[in-house]
């Protein structure tokens, strides 16, 4: 399928669980950090291709709340890699008019990471070509627990009544309050799990699992996922006949 065909029906919001960096490195007899470093190349290629395809929102699962349990040395190198990548890719974000967005428990991140993220987010806030969201120190269950706490306090303080709480109110309290629901979720490496990612936002997302380890993921593999997405019928609870009618 050529790019012009793919552009005819693309997801508005694409989310990706970038999995397999460690296994990719181990297969090559290298340490896990080697895999993370090469995973950056895959991020660059997918982001550039998403812009070309006019995908409006791209969300990448970069670091989960569970990832804090990894060895301190690996976490430290990952944080340094994140800062270096933000600095090296900054001009490309501006050139391609990409807006950077961040979701998760950002307060847990090292100060140098928070400062770099804050700077890039601020400098790109008026870009309109695509919104690139990095999920950092993110956990879906923690996000929903935070929403419940916020709403509980508002009910307690008579700011809102329980009867007024609906899906739109919940959306307003999520990290992703300014993002649409996910249309397509891709996970690489062959694992078939959601891993606590965007639990609320993927309620009606199409799921695509690729056996390719993330550092080997290219625009060719992205096109394959999009082709699969375009062949599916998204009914949102309706029947096929209702959609046709």
Protein backbone atom coordinates (compact mmCIF):
# COMPACT_ATOMS: atom_id res chain seq x y z
CA UNK A 1 0.00 0.00 0.00
CA UNK A 2 1.44 3.37 -1.00
CA UNK A 3 1.41 6.36 1.32
CA UNK A 4 -1.42 8.12 -0.54
CA UNK A 5 -3.69 5.13 0.18
CA UNK A 6 -2.69 5.05 3.86
CA UNK A 7 -3.54 8.74 4.23
CA UNK A 8 -7.14 8.11 3.22
CA UNK A 9 -8.11 6.64 6.58
CA UNK A 10 -5.62 7.15 9.39
CA UNK A 11 -6.12 7.20 13.16
CA UNK A 12 -6.45 10.65 14.63
CA UNK A 13 -4.71 9.46 17.82
CA UNK A 14 -2.04 6.77 17.61
CA UNK A 15 -0.48 5.38 20.80
CA UNK A 16 2.52 3.07 20.96
CA UNK A 17 3.94 0.83 23.69
CA UNK A 18 7.60 0.77 22.66
CA UNK A 19 8.68 -2.65 23.93
CA UNK A 20 11.72 -4.83 23.31
CA UNK A 21 14.77 -2.60 23.74
CA UNK A 22 16.34 -4.85 26.36
CA UNK A 23 15.73 -8.09 24.48
CA UNK A 24 17.07 -6.53 21.28
CA UNK A 25 20.33 -5.67 23.05
CA UNK A 26 20.62 -9.07 24.73
CA UNK A 27 20.25 -10.82 21.37
CA UNK A 28 23.27 -8.87 20.20
CA UNK A 29 25.30 -9.60 23.34
CA UNK A 30 25.06 -5.97 24.49
CA UNK A 31 23.77 -4.40 27.70
CA UNK A 32 20.19 -3.10 27.93
CA UNK A 33 21.24 0.53 27.55
CA UNK A 34 22.53 -0.28 24.07
CA UNK A 35 18.97 -1.26 23.18
CA UNK A 36 17.49 1.92 24.61
CA UNK A 37 19.96 4.03 22.62
CA UNK A 38 19.00 2.30 19.38
CA UNK A 39 15.34 2.62 20.31
CA UNK A 40 15.72 6.38 19.90
CA UNK A 41 16.27 5.86 16.17
CA UNK A 42 12.94 4.08 15.94
CA UNK A 43 11.26 6.98 17.75
CA UNK A 44 12.78 9.45 15.30
CA UNK A 45 11.60 7.49 12.25
CA UNK A 46 8.09 6.89 13.56
CA UNK A 47 7.62 10.52 14.60
CA UNK A 48 8.81 11.79 11.22
CA UNK A 49 6.54 9.36 9.37
CA UNK A 50 3.55 10.23 11.58
CA UNK A 51 4.00 13.89 10.61
CA UNK A 52 4.13 12.95 6.92
CA UNK A 53 0.95 10.90 7.29
CA UNK A 54 -0.82 13.81 9.01
CA UNK A 55 -1.49 11.89 12.22
CA UNK A 56 -2.65 14.59 14.62
CA UNK A 57 -1.77 12.94 17.94
CA UNK A 58 1.02 10.48 18.71
CA UNK A 59 1.50 9.19 22.26
CA UNK A 60 4.56 7.13 23.22
CA UNK A 61 4.87 5.04 26.40
CA UNK A 62 8.41 6.06 27.35
CA UNK A 63 8.67 5.25 31.08
CA UNK A 64 6.06 3.64 33.34
CA UNK A 65 5.52 3.91 37.09
CA UNK A 66 6.63 0.28 37.28
CA UNK A 67 9.92 1.11 35.54
CA UNK A 68 11.13 2.82 38.73
CA UNK A 69 11.78 -0.69 40.10
CA UNK A 70 14.60 -1.20 37.58
CA UNK A 71 18.28 -0.93 38.64
CA UNK A 72 19.28 2.62 39.58
CA UNK A 73 22.09 2.65 37.04
CA UNK A 74 19.73 1.82 34.18
CA UNK A 75 17.23 4.46 35.31
CA UNK A 76 19.97 7.07 35.53
CA UNK A 77 21.20 6.34 32.02
CA UNK A 78 17.62 6.37 30.69
CA UNK A 79 17.04 9.81 32.20
CA UNK A 80 20.30 11.10 30.70
CA UNK A 81 19.33 9.62 27.33
CA UNK A 82 15.96 11.38 27.53
CA UNK A 83 17.57 14.77 28.22
CA UNK A 84 20.11 14.33 25.41
CA UNK A 85 17.37 13.30 22.98
CA UNK A 86 15.19 16.29 23.87
CA UNK A 87 18.15 18.59 23.20
CA UNK A 88 19.21 16.93 19.95
CA UNK A 89 15.67 16.75 18.55
CA UNK A 90 14.54 20.21 19.64
CA UNK A 91 15.20 21.91 16.30
CA UNK A 92 13.37 19.12 14.44
CA UNK A 93 10.33 19.65 16.65
CA UNK A 94 10.31 23.32 15.74
CA UNK A 95 10.99 22.67 12.06
CA UNK A 96 8.14 20.15 11.79
CA UNK A 97 5.85 22.23 14.00
CA UNK A 98 5.41 19.43 16.52
CA UNK A 99 3.97 20.29 19.92
CA UNK A 100 5.48 18.34 22.81
CA UNK A 101 3.16 17.21 25.58
CA UNK A 102 3.97 15.17 28.70
CA UNK A 103 1.68 13.02 30.86
CA UNK A 104 2.37 11.14 34.08
CA UNK A 105 3.66 11.79 37.58
CA UNK A 106 6.25 14.29 36.38
CA UNK A 107 7.17 15.26 39.95
CA UNK A 108 8.95 11.92 40.32
CA UNK A 109 11.39 12.72 37.52
CA UNK A 110 14.87 14.17 38.26
CA UNK A 111 15.01 17.97 38.27
CA UNK A 112 17.22 18.16 35.17
CA UNK A 113 14.64 16.10 33.24
CA UNK A 114 11.73 18.22 34.48
CA UNK A 115 13.53 21.43 33.51
CA UNK A 116 14.32 20.18 30.02
CA UNK A 117 10.77 18.96 29.48
CA UNK A 118 9.33 22.24 30.72
CA UNK A 119 11.53 24.21 28.32
CA UNK A 120 10.68 22.14 25.24
CA UNK A 121 6.96 22.02 26.10
CA UNK A 122 6.95 25.81 26.49
CA UNK A 123 8.86 26.47 23.27
CA UNK A 124 6.64 24.19 21.17
CA UNK A 125 3.25 25.00 22.69
CA UNK A 126 2.05 26.96 19.64
CA UNK A 127 2.99 24.26 17.10
CA UNK A 128 -0.01 22.77 15.35
CA UNK A 129 1.20 20.08 12.91
CA UNK A 130 1.11 17.24 15.47
CA UNK A 131 0.96 16.77 19.23
CA UNK A 132 3.64 14.36 20.43
CA UNK A 133 2.90 13.12 23.94
CA UNK A 134 5.49 11.35 26.07
CA UNK A 135 4.09 9.19 28.87
CA UNK A 136 6.75 9.45 31.60
CA UNK A 137 6.45 7.98 35.08
CA UNK A 138 2.97 7.08 33.86
CA UNK A 139 0.57 4.45 35.13
CA UNK A 140 -3.06 4.09 34.09
CA UNK A 141 -4.26 2.90 37.49
CA UNK A 142 -2.46 5.74 39.26
CA UNK A 143 -4.03 8.21 36.84
CA UNK A 144 -7.54 6.91 37.57
CA UNK A 145 -6.86 6.86 41.31
CA UNK A 146 -5.84 10.53 41.10
CA UNK A 147 -9.06 11.34 39.26
CA UNK A 148 -11.11 9.66 42.00
CA UNK A 149 -9.27 11.64 44.68
CA UNK A 150 -9.83 14.94 42.88
CA UNK A 151 -13.52 14.26 42.42
CA UNK A 152 -13.92 13.05 46.01
CA UNK A 153 -12.47 16.31 47.33
CA UNK A 154 -14.72 18.35 45.03
CA UNK A 155 -17.78 16.46 46.22
CA UNK A 156 -16.69 16.91 49.83
CA UNK A 157 -16.24 20.67 49.30
CA UNK A 158 -19.59 20.94 47.47
CA UNK A 159 -17.89 22.00 44.25
CA UNK A 160 -19.65 19.25 42.34
CA UNK A 161 -22.48 16.86 43.17
CA UNK A 162 -22.11 13.10 42.62
CA UNK A 163 -25.00 13.18 40.17
CA UNK A 164 -23.05 15.52 37.88
CA UNK A 165 -20.11 13.15 37.51
CA UNK A 166 -20.14 11.60 34.03
CA UNK A 167 -17.60 10.59 31.40
CA UNK A 168 -16.94 14.17 30.31
CA UNK A 169 -16.20 15.23 33.90
CA UNK A 170 -13.80 12.31 34.29
CA UNK A 171 -12.07 13.23 31.02
CA UNK A 172 -11.49 16.74 32.33
CA UNK A 173 -9.48 15.34 35.26
CA UNK A 174 -7.26 12.94 33.32
CA UNK A 175 -3.65 13.66 32.32
CA UNK A 176 -4.96 13.46 28.74
CA UNK A 177 -7.72 16.02 29.18
CA UNK A 178 -6.58 17.87 26.02
CA UNK A 179 -6.27 14.72 23.89
CA UNK A 180 -8.92 12.69 22.04
CA UNK A 181 -9.44 9.00 22.78
CA UNK A 182 -6.93 6.61 21.23
CA UNK A 183 -7.93 5.17 17.85
CA UNK A 184 -5.07 2.70 17.40
CA UNK A 185 -2.73 1.21 20.00
CA UNK A 186 0.42 -0.54 18.78
CA UNK A 187 2.61 -2.72 20.97
CA UNK A 188 5.91 -4.07 19.71
CA UNK A 189 8.05 -7.12 20.69
CA UNK A 190 5.32 -9.76 20.44
CA UNK A 191 3.92 -9.24 23.94
CA UNK A 192 0.12 -8.98 24.04
CA UNK A 193 -0.53 -6.88 27.11
CA UNK A 194 -1.70 -3.34 27.79
CA UNK A 195 0.74 -2.90 30.71
CA UNK A 196 -1.25 -0.25 32.58
CA UNK A 197 -1.22 2.19 29.65
CA UNK A 198 -4.08 4.61 28.97
CA UNK A 199 -6.67 2.28 30.48
CA UNK A 200 -9.54 4.78 30.16
CA UNK A 201 -8.48 6.26 26.83
CA UNK A 202 -8.25 2.98 24.89
CA UNK A 203 -11.81 1.82 25.65
CA UNK A 204 -12.65 1.66 21.92
CA UNK A 205 -9.15 1.63 20.44
CA UNK A 206 -8.10 -0.92 17.85
CA UNK A 207 -5.18 -3.03 19.12
CA UNK A 208 -2.24 -4.11 16.99
CA UNK A 209 0.56 -6.35 18.26
CA UNK A 210 3.81 -6.53 16.29
CA UNK A 211 6.48 -9.19 16.83
CA UNK A 212 9.17 -6.67 15.88
CA UNK A 213 11.40 -5.47 18.74
CA UNK A 214 11.18 -1.70 19.08
CA UNK A 215 14.72 -0.80 17.86
CA UNK A 216 13.92 -2.64 14.60
CA UNK A 217 10.54 -0.95 14.14
CA UNK A 218 10.48 1.18 10.98
CA UNK A 219 7.98 3.13 8.93
CA UNK A 220 7.39 -0.08 6.96
CA UNK A 221 6.09 -1.74 10.13
CA UNK A 222 4.05 1.36 10.95
CA UNK A 223 2.43 1.18 7.52
CA UNK A 224 1.59 -2.49 8.11
CA UNK A 225 -0.17 -1.59 11.37
CA UNK A 226 -2.09 1.22 9.69
CA UNK A 227 -3.13 -1.07 6.85
CA UNK A 228 -4.53 -3.52 9.42
CA UNK A 229 -6.37 -0.66 11.14
CA UNK A 230 -7.96 0.46 7.87
CA UNK A 231 -9.39 -2.99 7.22
CA UNK A 232 -11.30 -3.05 10.50
CA UNK A 233 -14.87 -1.97 11.09
CA UNK A 234 -15.17 0.33 14.10
CA UNK A 235 -18.75 0.00 15.32
CA UNK A 236 -18.62 1.60 18.79
CA UNK A 237 -21.43 -0.65 19.98
CA UNK A 238 -23.54 -0.30 16.84
CA UNK A 239 -24.26 -2.93 14.20
CA UNK A 240 -22.71 -2.99 10.72
CA UNK A 241 -26.13 -2.23 9.26
CA UNK A 242 -26.48 0.87 11.42
CA UNK A 243 -23.12 2.16 10.21
CA UNK A 244 -24.12 1.67 6.59
CA UNK A 245 -27.45 3.37 7.21
